[in-house]
């Protein structure tokens, strides 16, 4: 899994006023007026490893995709 977030995604995060908080293996997206979403790793160490977003456990391959999906969910609230 890549460990760096691309500069274009960082700029998108800054513009959206979304705050990222990390605790061990969980990333939380916090935005005023929106529900906090958690992003967690899924199936670490297997061929199907990836990330899951929110209570619906939307599965994606990369952390960047997970952040984008989470931000889109929060934007719709």
PDB file of N, CA and C in Angstrom:
ATOM      1  N   UNK A   1       0.844  -1.187   0.000  1.00  0.00           N
ATOM      2  CA  UNK A   1       0.000   0.000   0.000  1.00  0.00           C
ATOM      3  C   UNK A   1       0.884   1.242   0.000  1.00  0.00           C
ATOM      4  N   UNK A   2       0.559   2.238  -0.835  1.00  0.00           N
ATOM      5  CA  UNK A   2       1.323   3.484  -0.816  1.00  0.00           C
ATOM      6  C   UNK A   2       1.151   4.191   0.524  1.00  0.00           C
ATOM      7  N   UNK A   3       2.201   4.890   0.964  1.00  0.00           N
ATOM      8  CA  UNK A   3       2.131   5.565   2.252  1.00  0.00           C
ATOM      9  C   UNK A   3       1.997   7.075   2.131  1.00  0.00           C
ATOM     10  N   UNK A   4       2.143   7.616   0.923  1.00  0.00           N
ATOM     11  CA  UNK A   4       2.062   9.069   0.740  1.00  0.00           C
ATOM     12  C   UNK A   4       0.728   9.462   0.134  1.00  0.00           C
ATOM     13  N   UNK A   5       0.216  10.579   0.584  1.00  0.00           N
ATOM     14  CA  UNK A   5      -0.999  11.147  -0.012  1.00  0.00           C
ATOM     15  C   UNK A   5      -0.549  12.168  -1.048  1.00  0.00           C
ATOM     16  N   UNK A   6      -1.111  12.084  -2.229  1.00  0.00           N
ATOM     17  CA  UNK A   6      -0.743  12.971  -3.322  1.00  0.00           C
ATOM     18  C   UNK A   6      -1.080  14.429  -2.994  1.00  0.00           C
ATOM     19  N   UNK A   7      -0.239  15.365  -3.425  1.00  0.00           N
ATOM     20  CA  UNK A   7      -0.476  16.790  -3.158  1.00  0.00           C
ATOM     21  C   UNK A   7      -1.855  17.274  -3.624  1.00  0.00           C
ATOM     22  N   UNK A   8      -2.354  16.759  -4.742  1.00  0.00           N
ATOM     23  CA  UNK A   8      -3.663  17.210  -5.231  1.00  0.00           C
ATOM     24  C   UNK A   8      -4.776  16.821  -4.263  1.00  0.00           C
ATOM     25  N   UNK A   9      -4.657  15.652  -3.634  1.00  0.00           N
ATOM     26  CA  UNK A   9      -5.648  15.244  -2.640  1.00  0.00           C
ATOM     27  C   UNK A   9      -5.521  16.090  -1.380  1.00  0.00           C
ATOM     28  N   UNK A  10      -4.302  16.393  -0.974  1.00  0.00           N
ATOM     29  CA  UNK A  10      -4.117  17.249   0.200  1.00  0.00           C
ATOM     30  C   UNK A  10      -4.757  18.615  -0.014  1.00  0.00           C
ATOM     31  N   UNK A  11      -4.617  19.169  -1.202  1.00  0.00           N
ATOM     32  CA  UNK A  11      -5.232  20.464  -1.510  1.00  0.00           C
ATOM     33  C   UNK A  11      -6.753  20.361  -1.454  1.00  0.00           C
ATOM     34  N   UNK A  12      -7.301  19.276  -1.968  1.00  0.00           N
ATOM     35  CA  UNK A  12      -8.756  19.061  -1.930  1.00  0.00           C
ATOM     36  C   UNK A  12      -9.245  18.965  -0.481  1.00  0.00           C
ATOM     37  N   UNK A  13      -8.474  18.296   0.372  1.00  0.00           N
ATOM     38  CA  UNK A  13      -8.829  18.174   1.783  1.00  0.00           C
ATOM     39  C   UNK A  13      -8.822  19.546   2.441  1.00  0.00           C
ATOM     40  N   UNK A  14      -7.774  20.329   2.173  1.00  0.00           N
ATOM     41  CA  UNK A  14      -7.683  21.676   2.761  1.00  0.00           C
ATOM     42  C   UNK A  14      -8.881  22.545   2.360  1.00  0.00           C
ATOM     43  N   UNK A  15      -9.248  22.512   1.083  1.00  0.00           N
ATOM     44  CA  UNK A  15     -10.351  23.335   0.589  1.00  0.00           C
ATOM     45  C   UNK A  15     -11.698  22.911   1.171  1.00  0.00           C
ATOM     46  N   UNK A  16     -11.828  21.650   1.554  1.00  0.00           N
ATOM     47  CA  UNK A  16     -13.116  21.154   2.046  1.00  0.00           C
ATOM     48  C   UNK A  16     -13.310  21.380   3.545  1.00  0.00           C
ATOM     49  N   UNK A  17     -12.292  21.911   4.216  1.00  0.00           N
ATOM     50  CA  UNK A  17     -12.339  22.096   5.666  1.00  0.00           C
ATOM     51  C   UNK A  17     -12.561  20.783   6.404  1.00  0.00           C
ATOM     52  N   UNK A  18     -12.048  19.702   5.850  1.00  0.00           N
ATOM     53  CA  UNK A  18     -12.116  18.393   6.487  1.00  0.00           C
ATOM     54  C   UNK A  18     -10.864  18.199   7.322  1.00  0.00           C
ATOM     55  N   UNK A  19     -11.047  17.627   8.498  1.00  0.00           N
ATOM     56  CA  UNK A  19      -9.931  17.377   9.391  1.00  0.00           C
ATOM     57  C   UNK A  19      -9.677  15.876   9.446  1.00  0.00           C
ATOM     58  N   UNK A  20      -8.425  15.462   9.301  1.00  0.00           N
ATOM     59  CA  UNK A  20      -8.054  14.055   9.413  1.00  0.00           C
ATOM     60  C   UNK A  20      -7.439  13.814  10.781  1.00  0.00           C
ATOM     61  N   UNK A  21      -7.893  12.766  11.454  1.00  0.00           N
ATOM     62  CA  UNK A  21      -7.302  12.359  12.725  1.00  0.00           C
ATOM     63  C   UNK A  21      -6.970  10.887  12.618  1.00  0.00           C
ATOM     64  N   UNK A  22      -5.790  10.523  13.064  1.00  0.00           N
ATOM     65  CA  UNK A  22      -5.363   9.132  12.973  1.00  0.00           C
ATOM     66  C   UNK A  22      -5.081   8.582  14.365  1.00  0.00           C
ATOM     67  N   UNK A  23      -5.488   7.348  14.564  1.00  0.00           N
ATOM     68  CA  UNK A  23      -5.247   6.658  15.818  1.00  0.00           C
ATOM     69  C   UNK A  23      -4.938   5.207  15.482  1.00  0.00           C
ATOM     70  N   UNK A  24      -3.705   4.823  15.656  1.00  0.00           N
ATOM     71  CA  UNK A  24      -3.219   3.490  15.319  1.00  0.00           C
ATOM     72  C   UNK A  24      -3.570   3.149  13.876  1.00  0.00           C
ATOM     73  N   UNK A  25      -4.635   2.393  13.628  1.00  0.00           N
ATOM     74  CA  UNK A  25      -4.972   2.003  12.261  1.00  0.00           C
ATOM     75  C   UNK A  25      -6.256   2.642  11.756  1.00  0.00           C
ATOM     76  N   UNK A  26      -6.831   3.562  12.500  1.00  0.00           N
ATOM     77  CA  UNK A  26      -8.082   4.198  12.103  1.00  0.00           C
ATOM     78  C   UNK A  26      -7.840   5.650  11.720  1.00  0.00           C
ATOM     79  N   UNK A  27      -8.422   6.057  10.596  1.00  0.00           N
ATOM     80  CA  UNK A  27      -8.388   7.456  10.165  1.00  0.00           C
ATOM     81  C   UNK A  27      -9.802   7.986  10.304  1.00  0.00           C
ATOM     82  N   UNK A  28      -9.955   9.134  10.942  1.00  0.00           N
ATOM     83  CA  UNK A  28     -11.276   9.738  11.106  1.00  0.00           C
ATOM     84  C   UNK A  28     -11.352  11.015  10.284  1.00  0.00           C
ATOM     85  N   UNK A  29     -12.459  11.155   9.541  1.00  0.00           N
ATOM     86  CA  UNK A  29     -12.720  12.381   8.791  1.00  0.00           C
ATOM     87  C   UNK A  29     -13.720  13.194   9.589  1.00  0.00           C
ATOM     88  N   UNK A  30     -13.347  14.400   9.954  1.00  0.00           N
ATOM     89  CA  UNK A  30     -14.225  15.275  10.724  1.00  0.00           C
ATOM     90  C   UNK A  30     -14.458  16.554   9.952  1.00  0.00           C
ATOM     91  N   UNK A  31     -15.726  16.918   9.822  1.00  0.00           N
ATOM     92  CA  UNK A  31     -16.089  18.151   9.120  1.00  0.00           C
ATOM     93  C   UNK A  31     -17.289  18.753   9.839  1.00  0.00           C
ATOM     94  N   UNK A  32     -17.234  20.054  10.107  1.00  0.00           N
ATOM     95  CA  UNK A  32     -18.335  20.722  10.787  1.00  0.00           C
ATOM     96  C   UNK A  32     -19.633  20.518  10.023  1.00  0.00           C
ATOM     97  N   UNK A  33     -20.679  20.122  10.731  1.00  0.00           N
ATOM     98  CA  UNK A  33     -21.985  19.931  10.121  1.00  0.00           C
ATOM     99  C   UNK A  33     -22.174  18.582   9.454  1.00  0.00           C
ATOM    100  N   UNK A  34     -21.170  17.719   9.522  1.00  0.00           N
ATOM    101  CA  UNK A  34     -21.268  16.390   8.906  1.00  0.00           C
ATOM    102  C   UNK A  34     -20.931  15.324   9.948  1.00  0.00           C
ATOM    103  N   UNK A  35     -21.423  14.141   9.704  1.00  0.00           N
ATOM    104  CA  UNK A  35     -21.136  13.019  10.593  1.00  0.00           C
ATOM    105  C   UNK A  35     -19.673  12.609  10.452  1.00  0.00           C
ATOM    106  N   UNK A  36     -19.006  12.337  11.591  1.00  0.00           N
ATOM    107  CA  UNK A  36     -17.634  11.866  11.564  1.00  0.00           C
ATOM    108  C   UNK A  36     -17.615  10.466  10.946  1.00  0.00           C
ATOM    109  N   UNK A  37     -16.678  10.227  10.036  1.00  0.00           N
ATOM    110  CA  UNK A  37     -16.549   8.918   9.387  1.00  0.00           C
ATOM    111  C   UNK A  37     -15.218   8.295   9.763  1.00  0.00           C
ATOM    112  N   UNK A  38     -15.228   6.980   9.961  1.00  0.00           N
ATOM    113  CA  UNK A  38     -13.989   6.261  10.220  1.00  0.00           C
ATOM    114  C   UNK A  38     -13.584   5.458   8.994  1.00  0.00           C
ATOM    115  N   UNK A  39     -12.293   5.427   8.748  1.00  0.00           N
ATOM    116  CA  UNK A  39     -11.710   4.621   7.684  1.00  0.00           C
ATOM    117  C   UNK A  39     -10.784   3.624   8.370  1.00  0.00           C
ATOM    118  N   UNK A  40     -10.993   2.342   8.085  1.00  0.00           N
ATOM    119  CA  UNK A  40     -10.184   1.302   8.728  1.00  0.00           C
ATOM    120  C   UNK A  40      -9.608   0.338   7.693  1.00  0.00           C
ATOM    121  N   UNK A  41      -8.429  -0.213   8.008  1.00  0.00           N
ATOM    122  CA  UNK A  41      -7.871  -1.208   7.090  1.00  0.00           C
ATOM    123  C   UNK A  41      -8.717  -2.473   7.092  1.00  0.00           C
ATOM    124  N   UNK A  42      -8.705  -3.192   5.985  1.00  0.00           N
ATOM    125  CA  UNK A  42      -9.495  -4.418   5.840  1.00  0.00           C
ATOM    126  C   UNK A  42      -8.598  -5.511   5.257  1.00  0.00           C
ATOM    127  N   UNK A  43      -8.656  -6.680   5.836  1.00  0.00           N
ATOM    128  CA  UNK A  43      -7.934  -7.868   5.344  1.00  0.00           C
ATOM    129  C   UNK A  43      -6.437  -7.624   5.156  1.00  0.00           C
ATOM    130  N   UNK A  44      -5.794  -7.014   6.146  1.00  0.00           N
ATOM    131  CA  UNK A  44      -4.366  -6.712   6.066  1.00  0.00           C
ATOM    132  C   UNK A  44      -3.575  -8.014   5.922  1.00  0.00           C
ATOM    133  N   UNK A  45      -2.614  -7.993   5.010  1.00  0.00           N
ATOM    134  CA  UNK A  45      -1.751  -9.150   4.808  1.00  0.00           C
ATOM    135  C   UNK A  45      -2.323 -10.217   3.890  1.00  0.00           C
ATOM    136  N   UNK A  46      -3.444  -9.925   3.252  1.00  0.00           N
ATOM    137  CA  UNK A  46      -4.042 -10.883   2.319  1.00  0.00           C
ATOM    138  C   UNK A  46      -4.072 -10.288   0.921  1.00  0.00           C
ATOM    139  N   UNK A  47      -4.485 -11.088  -0.038  1.00  0.00           N
ATOM    140  CA  UNK A  47      -4.596 -10.608  -1.418  1.00  0.00           C
ATOM    141  C   UNK A  47      -5.722  -9.601  -1.587  1.00  0.00           C
ATOM    142  N   UNK A  48      -6.636  -9.540  -0.612  1.00  0.00           N
ATOM    143  CA  UNK A  48      -7.798  -8.649  -0.728  1.00  0.00           C
ATOM    144  C   UNK A  48      -7.718  -7.469   0.234  1.00  0.00           C
ATOM    145  N   UNK A  49      -6.496  -7.139   0.700  1.00  0.00           N
ATOM    146  CA  UNK A  49      -6.398  -6.033   1.651  1.00  0.00           C
ATOM    147  C   UNK A  49      -6.828  -4.728   1.013  1.00  0.00           C
ATOM    148  N   UNK A  50      -7.311  -3.829   1.833  1.00  0.00           N
ATOM    149  CA  UNK A  50      -7.774  -2.531   1.369  1.00  0.00           C
ATOM    150  C   UNK A  50      -8.259  -1.722   2.553  1.00  0.00           C
ATOM    151  N   UNK A  51      -9.265  -0.889   2.323  1.00  0.00           N
ATOM    152  CA  UNK A  51      -9.801   0.008   3.340  1.00  0.00           C
ATOM    153  C   UNK A  51     -11.316  -0.042   3.289  1.00  0.00           C
ATOM    154  N   UNK A  52     -11.949   0.214   4.439  1.00  0.00           N
ATOM    155  CA  UNK A  52     -13.407   0.307   4.485  1.00  0.00           C
ATOM    156  C   UNK A  52     -13.789   1.646   5.088  1.00  0.00           C
ATOM    157  N   UNK A  53     -14.839   2.241   4.522  1.00  0.00           N
ATOM    158  CA  UNK A  53     -15.250   3.594   4.883  1.00  0.00           C
ATOM    159  C   UNK A  53     -16.609   3.565   5.553  1.00  0.00           C
ATOM    160  N   UNK A  54     -16.685   4.169   6.752  1.00  0.00           N
ATOM    161  CA  UNK A  54     -17.952   4.369   7.442  1.00  0.00           C
ATOM    162  C   UNK A  54     -18.635   3.104   7.930  1.00  0.00           C
ATOM    163  N   UNK A  55     -19.812   3.321   8.523  1.00  0.00           N
ATOM    164  CA  UNK A  55     -20.593   2.214   9.058  1.00  0.00           C
ATOM    165  C   UNK A  55     -21.055   1.261   7.967  1.00  0.00           C
ATOM    166  N   UNK A  56     -21.205   1.788   6.734  1.00  0.00           N
ATOM    167  CA  UNK A  56     -21.629   0.951   5.610  1.00  0.00           C
ATOM    168  C   UNK A  56     -20.503   0.040   5.133  1.00  0.00           C
ATOM    169  N   UNK A  57     -19.296   0.277   5.636  1.00  0.00           N
ATOM    170  CA  UNK A  57     -18.103  -0.490   5.282  1.00  0.00           C
ATOM    171  C   UNK A  57     -17.878  -0.558   3.767  1.00  0.00           C
ATOM    172  N   UNK A  58     -17.937   0.609   3.128  1.00  0.00           N
ATOM    173  CA  UNK A  58     -17.660   0.708   1.700  1.00  0.00           C
ATOM    174  C   UNK A  58     -16.189   0.347   1.493  1.00  0.00           C
ATOM    175  N   UNK A  59     -15.919  -0.624   0.642  1.00  0.00           N
ATOM    176  CA  UNK A  59     -14.564  -1.114   0.461  1.00  0.00           C
ATOM    177  C   UNK A  59     -13.890  -0.488  -0.750  1.00  0.00           C
ATOM    178  N   UNK A  60     -12.650  -0.045  -0.532  1.00  0.00           N
ATOM    179  CA  UNK A  60     -11.824   0.525  -1.594  1.00  0.00           C
ATOM    180  C   UNK A  60     -10.412  -0.033  -1.452  1.00  0.00           C
ATOM    181  N   UNK A  61      -9.594   0.170  -2.474  1.00  0.00           N
ATOM    182  CA  UNK A  61      -8.251  -0.405  -2.469  1.00  0.00           C
ATOM    183  C   UNK A  61      -7.207   0.436  -1.741  1.00  0.00           C
ATOM    184  N   UNK A  62      -7.307   1.772  -1.839  1.00  0.00           N
ATOM    185  CA  UNK A  62      -6.256   2.625  -1.272  1.00  0.00           C
ATOM    186  C   UNK A  62      -6.820   3.599  -0.246  1.00  0.00           C
ATOM    187  N   UNK A  63      -5.936   4.099   0.598  1.00  0.00           N
ATOM    188  CA  UNK A  63      -6.336   5.106   1.579  1.00  0.00           C
ATOM    189  C   UNK A  63      -6.803   6.370   0.875  1.00  0.00           C
ATOM    190  N   UNK A  64      -6.151   6.741  -0.211  1.00  0.00           N
ATOM    191  CA  UNK A  64      -6.578   7.931  -0.958  1.00  0.00           C
ATOM    192  C   UNK A  64      -8.011   7.784  -1.444  1.00  0.00           C
ATOM    193  N   UNK A  65      -8.342   6.633  -1.999  1.00  0.00           N
ATOM    194  CA  UNK A  65      -9.719   6.401  -2.452  1.00  0.00           C
ATOM    195  C   UNK A  65     -10.681   6.468  -1.279  1.00  0.00           C
ATOM    196  N   UNK A  66     -10.272   5.935  -0.137  1.00  0.00           N
ATOM    197  CA  UNK A  66     -11.127   5.949   1.045  1.00  0.00           C
ATOM    198  C   UNK A  66     -11.402   7.376   1.512  1.00  0.00           C
ATOM    199  N   UNK A  67     -10.370   8.223   1.502  1.00  0.00           N
ATOM    200  CA  UNK A  67     -10.544   9.626   1.902  1.00  0.00           C
ATOM    201  C   UNK A  67     -11.491  10.332   0.938  1.00  0.00           C
ATOM    202  N   UNK A  68     -11.322  10.110  -0.352  1.00  0.00           N
ATOM    203  CA  UNK A  68     -12.188  10.746  -1.356  1.00  0.00           C
ATOM    204  C   UNK A  68     -13.633  10.296  -1.168  1.00  0.00           C
ATOM    205  N   UNK A  69     -13.857   8.991  -0.998  1.00  0.00           N
ATOM    206  CA  UNK A  69     -15.215   8.474  -0.777  1.00  0.00           C
ATOM    207  C   UNK A  69     -15.812   9.082   0.487  1.00  0.00           C
ATOM    208  N   UNK A  70     -15.034   9.121   1.555  1.00  0.00           N
ATOM    209  CA  UNK A  70     -15.515   9.708   2.812  1.00  0.00           C
ATOM    210  C   UNK A  70     -15.881  11.169   2.664  1.00  0.00           C
ATOM    211  N   UNK A  71     -15.046  11.933   1.968  1.00  0.00           N
ATOM    212  CA  UNK A  71     -15.333  13.352   1.762  1.00  0.00           C
ATOM    213  C   UNK A  71     -16.593  13.534   0.922  1.00  0.00           C
ATOM    214  N   UNK A  72     -16.810  12.683  -0.064  1.00  0.00           N
ATOM    215  CA  UNK A  72     -18.010  12.774  -0.888  1.00  0.00           C
ATOM    216  C   UNK A  72     -19.259  12.457  -0.056  1.00  0.00           C
ATOM    217  N   UNK A  73     -19.154  11.471   0.822  1.00  0.00           N
ATOM    218  CA  UNK A  73     -20.293  11.143   1.699  1.00  0.00           C
ATOM    219  C   UNK A  73     -20.615  12.344   2.585  1.00  0.00           C
ATOM    220  N   UNK A  74     -19.576  12.944   3.192  1.00  0.00           N
ATOM    221  CA  UNK A  74     -19.810  14.087   4.059  1.00  0.00           C
ATOM    222  C   UNK A  74     -20.364  15.287   3.287  1.00  0.00           C
ATOM    223  N   UNK A  75     -19.939  15.482   2.072  1.00  0.00           N
ATOM    224  CA  UNK A  75     -20.422  16.614   1.272  1.00  0.00           C
ATOM    225  C   UNK A  75     -21.920  16.501   0.959  1.00  0.00           C
ATOM    226  N   UNK A  76     -22.440  15.283   0.930  1.00  0.00           N
ATOM    227  CA  UNK A  76     -23.863  15.067   0.617  1.00  0.00           C
ATOM    228  C   UNK A  76     -24.762  15.281   1.820  1.00  0.00           C
ATOM    229  N   UNK A  77     -24.185  15.394   2.992  1.00  0.00           N
ATOM    230  CA  UNK A  77     -25.015  15.563   4.204  1.00  0.00           C
ATOM    231  C   UNK A  77     -25.521  16.979   4.345  1.00  0.00           C
TER     232      UNK A  77
END
